[in-house]
N, C-alpha and C. Protein backbone atom coordinates (compact mmCIF):
# COMPACT_ATOMS: atom_id res chain seq x y z
N UNK A 1 77.23 98.21 68.23
CA UNK A 1 76.10 99.06 68.59
C UNK A 1 75.24 99.27 67.33
N UNK A 2 73.94 99.15 67.54
CA UNK A 2 73.02 99.23 66.40
C UNK A 2 72.71 100.70 66.12
N UNK A 3 72.06 100.92 64.96
CA UNK A 3 71.63 102.28 64.61
C UNK A 3 70.58 102.80 65.54
N UNK A 4 69.79 101.86 66.03
CA UNK A 4 68.73 102.31 66.94
C UNK A 4 69.30 102.82 68.27
N UNK A 5 70.30 102.16 68.79
CA UNK A 5 70.97 102.62 69.98
C UNK A 5 71.61 104.00 69.81
N UNK A 6 72.24 104.16 68.61
CA UNK A 6 72.91 105.47 68.34
C UNK A 6 71.86 106.56 68.22
N UNK A 7 70.75 106.22 67.61
CA UNK A 7 69.68 107.27 67.44
C UNK A 7 69.11 107.60 68.80
N UNK A 8 68.92 106.62 69.67
CA UNK A 8 68.43 106.87 71.05
C UNK A 8 69.34 107.78 71.85
N UNK A 9 70.69 107.50 71.71
CA UNK A 9 71.66 108.32 72.40
C UNK A 9 71.65 109.76 71.90
N UNK A 10 71.59 109.93 70.55
CA UNK A 10 71.55 111.27 69.94
C UNK A 10 70.30 112.00 70.38
N UNK A 11 69.15 111.30 70.39
CA UNK A 11 67.93 111.96 70.79
C UNK A 11 67.99 112.40 72.25
N UNK A 12 68.57 111.53 73.13
CA UNK A 12 68.72 111.87 74.49
C UNK A 12 69.69 113.07 74.68
N UNK A 13 70.74 113.15 73.93
CA UNK A 13 71.65 114.29 74.01
C UNK A 13 71.01 115.56 73.62
N UNK A 14 70.18 115.46 72.51
CA UNK A 14 69.47 116.68 72.03
C UNK A 14 68.47 117.13 73.08
N UNK A 15 67.74 116.24 73.67
CA UNK A 15 66.76 116.61 74.65
C UNK A 15 67.43 117.24 75.90
N UNK A 16 68.59 116.66 76.29
CA UNK A 16 69.32 117.19 77.40
C UNK A 16 69.76 118.61 77.18
N UNK A 17 70.24 118.90 75.97
CA UNK A 17 70.70 120.24 75.67
C UNK A 17 69.53 121.23 75.81
N UNK A 18 68.33 120.86 75.32
CA UNK A 18 67.20 121.74 75.40
C UNK A 18 66.69 121.91 76.85
N UNK A 19 66.66 120.85 77.61
CA UNK A 19 66.15 120.92 78.95
C UNK A 19 67.14 121.68 79.85
N UNK A 20 68.39 121.69 79.50
CA UNK A 20 69.35 122.41 80.30
C UNK A 20 69.09 123.87 80.32
N UNK A 21 68.49 124.37 79.22
CA UNK A 21 68.23 125.85 79.09
C UNK A 21 66.85 126.21 79.68
N UNK A 22 66.10 125.28 80.11
CA UNK A 22 64.83 125.58 80.68
C UNK A 22 63.78 124.53 80.29
N UNK A 23 62.59 124.65 80.78
CA UNK A 23 61.57 123.65 80.48
C UNK A 23 60.89 123.93 79.13
N UNK A 24 61.62 124.22 78.09
CA UNK A 24 61.10 124.55 76.82
C UNK A 24 61.30 123.35 75.91
N UNK A 25 60.29 123.04 75.05
CA UNK A 25 60.54 121.96 74.11
C UNK A 25 60.99 122.57 72.78
N UNK A 26 61.12 121.70 71.76
CA UNK A 26 61.66 122.18 70.48
C UNK A 26 60.73 123.15 69.80
N UNK A 27 59.39 122.98 69.96
CA UNK A 27 58.49 123.90 69.36
C UNK A 27 58.58 125.30 69.98
N UNK A 28 58.80 125.33 71.31
CA UNK A 28 58.97 126.60 71.98
C UNK A 28 60.20 127.36 71.41
N UNK A 29 61.31 126.59 71.23
CA UNK A 29 62.52 127.20 70.64
C UNK A 29 62.25 127.69 69.21
N UNK A 30 61.51 126.95 68.47
CA UNK A 30 61.17 127.37 67.09
C UNK A 30 60.36 128.59 67.07
N UNK A 31 59.38 128.76 67.97
CA UNK A 31 58.60 129.98 68.07
C UNK A 31 59.50 131.16 68.38
N UNK A 32 60.38 131.00 69.37
CA UNK A 32 61.29 132.07 69.70
C UNK A 32 62.18 132.43 68.57
N UNK A 33 62.77 131.45 67.92
CA UNK A 33 63.64 131.68 66.78
C UNK A 33 62.90 132.46 65.66
N UNK A 34 61.72 132.00 65.32
CA UNK A 34 60.93 132.70 64.28
C UNK A 34 60.63 134.14 64.63
N UNK A 35 60.28 134.37 65.88
CA UNK A 35 59.98 135.71 66.36
C UNK A 35 61.18 136.62 66.20
N UNK A 36 62.36 136.10 66.60
CA UNK A 36 63.60 136.89 66.50
C UNK A 36 63.94 137.18 65.03
N UNK A 37 63.80 136.15 64.17
CA UNK A 37 64.11 136.29 62.75
C UNK A 37 63.17 137.28 62.09
N UNK A 38 61.86 137.16 62.35
CA UNK A 38 60.92 138.11 61.80
C UNK A 38 61.17 139.51 62.27
N UNK A 39 61.44 139.62 63.57
CA UNK A 39 61.74 140.99 64.08
C UNK A 39 62.96 141.58 63.48
N UNK A 40 64.02 140.76 63.23
CA UNK A 40 65.21 141.25 62.63
C UNK A 40 64.96 141.67 61.15
N UNK A 41 64.20 140.90 60.42
CA UNK A 41 63.87 141.27 59.03
C UNK A 41 63.04 142.52 58.98
N UNK A 42 62.08 142.66 59.87
CA UNK A 42 61.31 143.91 59.86
C UNK A 42 62.13 145.12 60.16
N UNK A 43 63.07 144.97 61.10
CA UNK A 43 63.95 146.08 61.48
C UNK A 43 64.91 146.41 60.37
N UNK A 44 65.45 145.44 59.70
CA UNK A 44 66.42 145.72 58.65
C UNK A 44 65.81 146.39 57.43
N UNK A 45 64.61 146.00 57.12
CA UNK A 45 63.95 146.55 55.92
C UNK A 45 62.96 147.66 56.20
N UNK A 46 62.90 148.12 57.48
CA UNK A 46 62.06 149.26 57.87
C UNK A 46 60.64 149.06 57.36
N UNK A 47 60.11 147.86 57.54
CA UNK A 47 58.77 147.51 57.00
C UNK A 47 57.66 148.32 57.72
N UNK A 48 57.75 148.47 58.98
CA UNK A 48 56.66 149.10 59.75
C UNK A 48 56.92 150.57 60.09
N UNK A 49 58.11 151.06 59.82
CA UNK A 49 58.50 152.45 60.13
C UNK A 49 58.22 152.79 61.63
N UNK A 50 58.60 151.90 62.51
CA UNK A 50 58.40 152.09 63.94
C UNK A 50 59.77 152.33 64.55
N UNK A 51 59.80 152.89 65.78
CA UNK A 51 61.04 153.14 66.45
C UNK A 51 61.84 151.88 66.72
N UNK A 52 63.13 152.00 66.77
CA UNK A 52 64.06 150.84 66.97
C UNK A 52 63.79 150.09 68.26
N UNK A 53 63.50 150.82 69.37
CA UNK A 53 63.25 150.17 70.66
C UNK A 53 62.03 149.25 70.54
N UNK A 54 61.01 149.70 69.80
CA UNK A 54 59.78 148.85 69.63
C UNK A 54 60.12 147.62 68.85
N UNK A 55 60.88 147.76 67.79
CA UNK A 55 61.22 146.61 66.97
C UNK A 55 62.16 145.65 67.69
N UNK A 56 63.07 146.20 68.50
CA UNK A 56 63.97 145.34 69.20
C UNK A 56 63.32 144.48 70.33
N UNK A 57 62.43 145.08 71.07
CA UNK A 57 61.91 144.40 72.22
C UNK A 57 60.43 144.04 72.09
N UNK A 58 59.62 145.02 71.87
CA UNK A 58 58.19 144.77 71.92
C UNK A 58 57.70 143.87 70.77
N UNK A 59 58.17 144.11 69.56
CA UNK A 59 57.75 143.33 68.44
C UNK A 59 58.05 141.85 68.64
N UNK A 60 59.24 141.54 69.05
CA UNK A 60 59.67 140.16 69.31
C UNK A 60 58.75 139.53 70.34
N UNK A 61 58.53 140.27 71.45
CA UNK A 61 57.62 139.79 72.50
C UNK A 61 56.23 139.51 71.95
N UNK A 62 55.70 140.43 71.21
CA UNK A 62 54.33 140.25 70.63
C UNK A 62 54.28 139.07 69.68
N UNK A 63 55.37 138.85 68.88
CA UNK A 63 55.42 137.71 68.00
C UNK A 63 55.49 136.42 68.80
N UNK A 64 56.21 136.39 69.90
CA UNK A 64 56.24 135.20 70.73
C UNK A 64 54.87 134.87 71.33
N UNK A 65 54.21 135.95 71.79
CA UNK A 65 52.84 135.74 72.36
C UNK A 65 51.90 135.21 71.31
N UNK A 66 51.98 135.74 70.05
CA UNK A 66 51.16 135.25 68.95
C UNK A 66 51.48 133.81 68.62
N UNK A 67 52.74 133.45 68.70
CA UNK A 67 53.15 132.04 68.48
C UNK A 67 52.52 131.10 69.48
N UNK A 68 52.61 131.50 70.77
CA UNK A 68 52.05 130.67 71.80
C UNK A 68 50.55 130.53 71.71
N UNK A 69 49.89 131.64 71.38
CA UNK A 69 48.44 131.56 71.24
C UNK A 69 48.03 130.64 70.03
N UNK A 70 48.77 130.74 68.97
CA UNK A 70 48.52 129.89 67.84
C UNK A 70 48.74 128.46 68.22
N UNK A 71 49.82 128.19 68.95
CA UNK A 71 50.10 126.78 69.42
C UNK A 71 48.96 126.29 70.30
N UNK A 72 48.45 127.11 71.16
CA UNK A 72 47.39 126.66 72.06
C UNK A 72 46.10 126.35 71.26
N UNK A 73 45.81 127.20 70.28
CA UNK A 73 44.61 126.96 69.45
C UNK A 73 44.77 125.66 68.66
N UNK A 74 45.89 125.41 68.12
CA UNK A 74 46.15 124.18 67.35
C UNK A 74 45.98 122.95 68.29
N UNK A 75 46.58 123.05 69.51
CA UNK A 75 46.49 121.97 70.44
C UNK A 75 45.03 121.72 70.87
N UNK A 76 44.23 122.81 71.07
CA UNK A 76 42.86 122.65 71.46
C UNK A 76 42.05 122.04 70.32
N UNK A 77 42.35 122.43 69.08
CA UNK A 77 41.66 121.84 67.91
C UNK A 77 41.95 120.37 67.81
N UNK A 78 43.22 120.00 68.02
CA UNK A 78 43.57 118.56 67.94
C UNK A 78 42.93 117.75 69.08
N UNK A 79 42.91 118.32 70.24
CA UNK A 79 42.22 117.61 71.36
C UNK A 79 40.70 117.49 71.12
N UNK A 80 40.12 118.52 70.54
CA UNK A 80 38.69 118.47 70.23
C UNK A 80 38.40 117.37 69.16
N UNK A 81 39.22 117.26 68.20
CA UNK A 81 39.08 116.20 67.16
C UNK A 81 39.28 114.84 67.75
N UNK A 82 40.23 114.70 68.65
CA UNK A 82 40.45 113.42 69.34
C UNK A 82 39.24 113.02 70.18
N UNK A 83 38.68 114.02 70.84
CA UNK A 83 37.48 113.80 71.66
C UNK A 83 36.29 113.38 70.83
N UNK A 84 36.16 113.99 69.68
CA UNK A 84 35.04 113.64 68.82
C UNK A 84 35.25 112.25 68.23
N UNK A 85 36.50 111.84 67.97
CA UNK A 85 36.74 110.52 67.42
C UNK A 85 36.44 109.45 68.46
N UNK A 86 36.79 109.71 69.73
CA UNK A 86 36.56 108.71 70.76
C UNK A 86 35.05 108.58 71.05
N UNK A 87 34.27 109.68 70.94
CA UNK A 87 32.84 109.59 71.14
C UNK A 87 32.17 108.83 70.00
N UNK A 88 32.74 108.94 68.74
CA UNK A 88 32.15 108.21 67.61
C UNK A 88 32.36 106.70 67.73
N UNK A 89 33.43 106.30 68.36
CA UNK A 89 33.69 104.87 68.47
C UNK A 89 32.80 104.29 69.49
């Protein structure tokens, strides 16, 4: 078995694990992970002096929303640049 075949099988196994949990890709999981980590750090260090329920639920939710909006803006910017490149050719 070649290295390429082994890499393809590993990639397929990784993709299967992520798709089993829902239609989320790796960037989606990264956004969720960063939101949870940031929320945990803010709560542990009492950065915002907000109630625990807010830091537990609402802050993580708001961070996820911010992550998705940022992702959408980046995607739109990339698509705009691709559109400008195709018009120039």
